[in-house]
Every structure is written in structure tokens, then in C-alpha cells.
């Protein structure tokens, strides 16, 4: 697949087209981020408060920062081969206990973006599901933080095994930052949690699996024994399959707000204690998170201003799906939430906004050609 044809390439081209507009316009809204999933939120800044983080920085300084983000992204370089430590399977949430609130909005967006970015490599990613047998759930429920200890062991040993297999099949592959996986935890109707890991299962189509069922079952067996101190049945605890449809479709039901918020309540309604409530309900490898961050970028303020005025008409002509939304939190501002169906729609919409901006205050910029 060529750069011009790939979704990631189209995102990179759109980012490059926005560089000449960086630093232009007033920041009446918080930064509007264009995500790989093509959704956005436009949140007004408080009128009586200095925008957070701007302080004494000059306009020129802020302009240089925005240009740098558009050119290079905000992600740190990959660390290459990992040791399967906790640091690779970064929780991406603060360490305080927030598991009772279910999957966070930030987590859902990161997982959604990751699934959208790997879609172009369909056939090279698989999904590994780990389900707790009843007796394992009971043992973990009797251990303080039992489920969190098992979750940490699973993702660390999984990451380590995947890294070893990648390095064995393709030495140097990890130096390119390609240890890509994410997971979400889900509660079944029985109240027992299980995990869905979306991961790179092949280097490319037609190659052997990096981790097959036997190796993954061995990880489950070892993790069960390490955390509980007992030997358990594990043959039916793991299932792995290639992703044959859009990756996000496999996780979409759980990424919905209602399903994730009710997860802890469902678990406790089945008689389990907080020991079976994870501290966080998602995780991602460092390389997976870097992949997402490389493909997220700001819409320049001058175009956000035009979007704030034009979004109803853009909805009317089919270039945008958007609506007004007010969060339930007290004092939260009404915002515009929207999305584009395709990257081509996003480009046409932004090109239209750029044309309006150029006609109103000529800047000598021709979208996509400067």
C-alpha cells in the first residue's frame, strides 16, 4: 500500500497542509484535536480566565510550538525491545483508584484511534480473549487487589513474549517501534471480568503467527499460578483469532459509555468484592500509544473560529456530522461534538474553512499547495 493510498498517509498529508495556518487566529476555544477516529470536540474557553498554560509566553513562542506539533507530533520515540516490565504496558491513567468509574473517555478514545490506525494492516492483527474460570475468580476475589495483580501479570508477560517473538522472526523490527497492542477489560453477565487484547499477530500476511494459542495459553497458566499460588484449569480460558473485520467492531460494544460505566456495578451485583474491580479498564503498549499520538494533531485556531460559525451549514451539506452537547457535570460548558465519515470528508471540510478564512483576511495561503 502506497503512502498516498494509506489512511495514515492521508492523515500525514492533512497535517502538513495545516502547518501554514499554525499560530493564526485567537484561541476562543480549547485546542480542537483531529483524531484518527475522525471525531472532535469544540469546547469554549472561559472568557474571564487566561488560557491554561499560556502564561507569559509570546505569540511567536506559541506559534512555534503549534508548528512543531503539526510537523512532528507529540509522541516520544519508541524504546525498542522491551523487557515485559510494567513500564511497557503503561496504564495511561493516574495511579489513584478510578476503576469504579469504568472505562474513561480518554481510554476509549485512545483505543478507538488505535483500532482505526491498524485497520489498513488487516490480516496482520489478531484478538486474544482471556476469560476467568469461576474458581480463579473466587481465588482472586479473596486477594487484595487480586484482579489488578493478574491484569498486570498478563499484560507484562504478554508484552515480553510478543517482543521476543518479533525479535526472533525479524531482528531489528522492534527498533522501528512496532510492538503495537492494546486491551480493554470487560465484565460478563456472570460478573467475571475478561480481557480483549488486540495485537500484531503477524509481521505480514502469509507469515507464521508471532504468538499462537499454545504460547498464549502458557501465559495464562503461568499468570493464574503466580497470582493465586494454585494450579487451575486454563484450557478454555483463552481464545485467539485473526481480525477479519474492522478492528474497532470487536470492541465497539464495550467502548460505549453505558457499558463501561456499568461494569463495576455488574461485577458487584454478582457478589464479587472490589478485589475483582480493575484499577483501569484499558491499556496500551508504549509503541501503540506513540502510534496514536503521531497521528493526532491540532486544527489551527483560525480554522476553529470558522468551524464554530459554519458547522450547522456544513452538517446541512453533508460534510460533517455534529451536534450541541452539554455534559452532566455541574457548570460544564455546552460544546460542539462532531465527526467526519471519511478522511476525504475531513479534508474537503477543512479546505472549505480555509477558503473562507482566506477570502475574509487574505493570508496568501492556498490550502494543500503551500
Foldseek 3Di string as FASTA:
>chain_A
DDLVPALLSLLLLQLVLQLVQALDDDPQWDFWKQFLLFKTWTAGDDPVDDPPPCPPPDSVRRSVVQNCCSNFFDADAAPFQDQLACVQFPQPDDPDFDLLQFADPVQLRLVSRLLSNCQVQAQQKKKKKFWDDPVLLVLLLVDALSQQQLVSLLSSVVLNLLSVLCCVVPNPPRNNLQFWKKKFWAADLLLTIMMMMMGGQHPHHPGHGSDDPVNSLVSVQVSSCVRRVDGDDRPPRMDMDGDPDRVVVVVVVCSDSVRRRCNVVSNVVNPGDCSRRHSHGMTIGSSSSSVRRRSMHTNHNQLVVLCVVCVVVCVVVPLWAKDWDADPDPPGDIMIIIGGPGSVSVSVSSQVSVVVSCVVPNPPRRRSPD
